[in-house]
Amino acid sequence: MPQYITLFQQRRLLRKIEEFEEKLRDKSKEVGRAAEHGDLWENAEFDAARDVERILDSRLNELHRELNSYVVF
């Protein structure tokens, strides 16, 4: 049985997705800057940025799946 959401709820979810996409773009830039600091094996800044990037990417994928599972009425 499909789950229904209103147009307002859909727009709110889309805004949330856009926010996460922007955060992910920013974090990807941060990962790039951290990678420029040399040896990645000993770069805690790079590791931390990559960890946050993975979390954001995972949450963004969850939001896309959630959006695609709803029917707007």
C-alpha atoms as a PDB file:
ATOM      1  CA  MET A   1       0.000   0.000   0.000  1.00  0.00           C
ATOM      2  CA  PRO A   2       1.531   3.346  -1.015  1.00  0.00           C
ATOM      3  CA  GLN A   3       2.235   6.068   1.480  1.00  0.00           C
ATOM      4  CA  TYR A   4       0.800   9.481   0.676  1.00  0.00           C
ATOM      5  CA  ILE A   5       2.174  12.922   1.399  1.00  0.00           C
ATOM      6  CA  THR A   6       0.887  16.380   0.656  1.00  0.00           C
ATOM      7  CA  LEU A   7       2.508  18.744  -1.817  1.00  0.00           C
ATOM      8  CA  PHE A   8       3.704  20.819   1.149  1.00  0.00           C
ATOM      9  CA  GLN A   9       5.404  17.761   2.677  1.00  0.00           C
ATOM     10  CA  GLN A  10       7.001  16.936  -0.660  1.00  0.00           C
ATOM     11  CA  ARG A  11       8.378  20.464  -0.985  1.00  0.00           C
ATOM     12  CA  ARG A  12       9.728  20.335   2.564  1.00  0.00           C
ATOM     13  CA  LEU A  13      11.482  17.044   1.786  1.00  0.00           C
ATOM     14  CA  LEU A  14      12.890  18.488  -1.444  1.00  0.00           C
ATOM     15  CA  ARG A  15      14.277  21.486   0.461  1.00  0.00           C
ATOM     16  CA  LYS A  16      15.888  19.096   2.929  1.00  0.00           C
ATOM     17  CA  ILE A  17      17.459  17.188   0.032  1.00  0.00           C
ATOM     18  CA  GLU A  18      18.778  20.441  -1.442  1.00  0.00           C
ATOM     19  CA  GLU A  19      20.306  21.378   1.928  1.00  0.00           C
ATOM     20  CA  PHE A  20      22.056  18.015   2.189  1.00  0.00           C
ATOM     21  CA  GLU A  21      23.295  18.289  -1.408  1.00  0.00           C
ATOM     22  CA  GLU A  22      24.791  21.698  -0.607  1.00  0.00           C
ATOM     23  CA  LYS A  23      26.396  20.367   2.584  1.00  0.00           C
ATOM     24  CA  LEU A  24      27.819  17.432   0.629  1.00  0.00           C
ATOM     25  CA  ARG A  25      29.282  19.749  -2.035  1.00  0.00           C
ATOM     26  CA  ASP A  26      30.888  21.868   0.689  1.00  0.00           C
ATOM     27  CA  LYS A  27      32.267  18.809   2.455  1.00  0.00           C
ATOM     28  CA  SER A  28      33.655  17.444  -0.825  1.00  0.00           C
ATOM     29  CA  LYS A  29      35.544  20.715  -1.286  1.00  0.00           C
ATOM     30  CA  GLU A  30      36.842  20.390   2.269  1.00  0.00           C
ATOM     31  CA  VAL A  31      38.019  16.845   1.526  1.00  0.00           C
ATOM     32  CA  GLY A  32      39.877  18.175  -1.507  1.00  0.00           C
ATOM     33  CA  ARG A  33      41.553  20.902   0.543  1.00  0.00           C
ATOM     34  CA  ALA A  34      42.502  18.403   3.253  1.00  0.00           C
ATOM     35  CA  ALA A  35      43.954  16.063   0.633  1.00  0.00           C
ATOM     36  CA  GLU A  36      46.281  18.838  -0.495  1.00  0.00           C
ATOM     37  CA  HIS A  37      47.968  18.790   2.913  1.00  0.00           C
ATOM     38  CA  GLY A  38      50.169  15.865   2.025  1.00  0.00           C
ATOM     39  CA  ASP A  39      50.322  12.286   3.237  1.00  0.00           C
ATOM     40  CA  LEU A  40      46.739  11.007   3.500  1.00  0.00           C
ATOM     41  CA  TRP A  41      47.767   8.143   5.777  1.00  0.00           C
ATOM     42  CA  GLU A  42      48.527  10.591   8.567  1.00  0.00           C
ATOM     43  CA  ASN A  43      46.002  13.302   7.774  1.00  0.00           C
ATOM     44  CA  ALA A  44      43.342  13.408  10.513  1.00  0.00           C
ATOM     45  CA  GLU A  45      41.635  16.390   8.878  1.00  0.00           C
ATOM     46  CA  PHE A  46      41.186  14.378   5.685  1.00  0.00           C
ATOM     47  CA  ASP A  47      39.866  11.335   7.583  1.00  0.00           C
ATOM     48  CA  ALA A  48      37.358  13.434   9.520  1.00  0.00           C
ATOM     49  CA  ALA A  49      36.136  15.208   6.395  1.00  0.00           C
ATOM     50  CA  ARG A  50      35.732  11.887   4.547  1.00  0.00           C
ATOM     51  CA  ASP A  51      33.768  10.425   7.476  1.00  0.00           C
ATOM     52  CA  VAL A  52      31.360  13.354   7.471  1.00  0.00           C
ATOM     53  CA  GLU A  53      31.114  13.170   3.680  1.00  0.00           C
ATOM     54  CA  ARG A  54      30.111   9.495   3.883  1.00  0.00           C
ATOM     55  CA  ILE A  55      27.459  10.260   6.515  1.00  0.00           C
ATOM     56  CA  LEU A  56      25.998  13.090   4.433  1.00  0.00           C
ATOM     57  CA  ASP A  57      25.986  10.932   1.314  1.00  0.00           C
ATOM     58  CA  SER A  58      24.246   8.107   3.148  1.00  0.00           C
ATOM     59  CA  ARG A  59      21.579  10.439   4.544  1.00  0.00           C
ATOM     60  CA  LEU A  60      21.068  12.009   1.119  1.00  0.00           C
ATOM     61  CA  ASN A  61      20.490   8.573  -0.401  1.00  0.00           C
ATOM     62  CA  GLU A  62      17.975   7.793   2.363  1.00  0.00           C
ATOM     63  CA  LEU A  63      16.095  11.021   1.646  1.00  0.00           C
ATOM     64  CA  HIS A  64      15.951  10.246  -2.084  1.00  0.00           C
ATOM     65  CA  ARG A  65      14.608   6.749  -1.379  1.00  0.00           C
ATOM     66  CA  GLU A  66      12.058   8.216   1.027  1.00  0.00           C
ATOM     67  CA  LEU A  67      10.916  10.787  -1.526  1.00  0.00           C
ATOM     68  CA  ASN A  68      10.577   8.143  -4.226  1.00  0.00           C
ATOM     69  CA  SER A  69       8.494   5.908  -1.965  1.00  0.00           C
ATOM     70  CA  TYR A  70       5.708   8.472  -1.506  1.00  0.00           C
ATOM     71  CA  VAL A  71       2.728   9.376  -3.627  1.00  0.00           C
ATOM     72  CA  VAL A  72       1.773  13.060  -3.583  1.00  0.00           C
ATOM     73  CA  PHE A  73      -1.909  13.825  -3.291  1.00  0.00           C
END
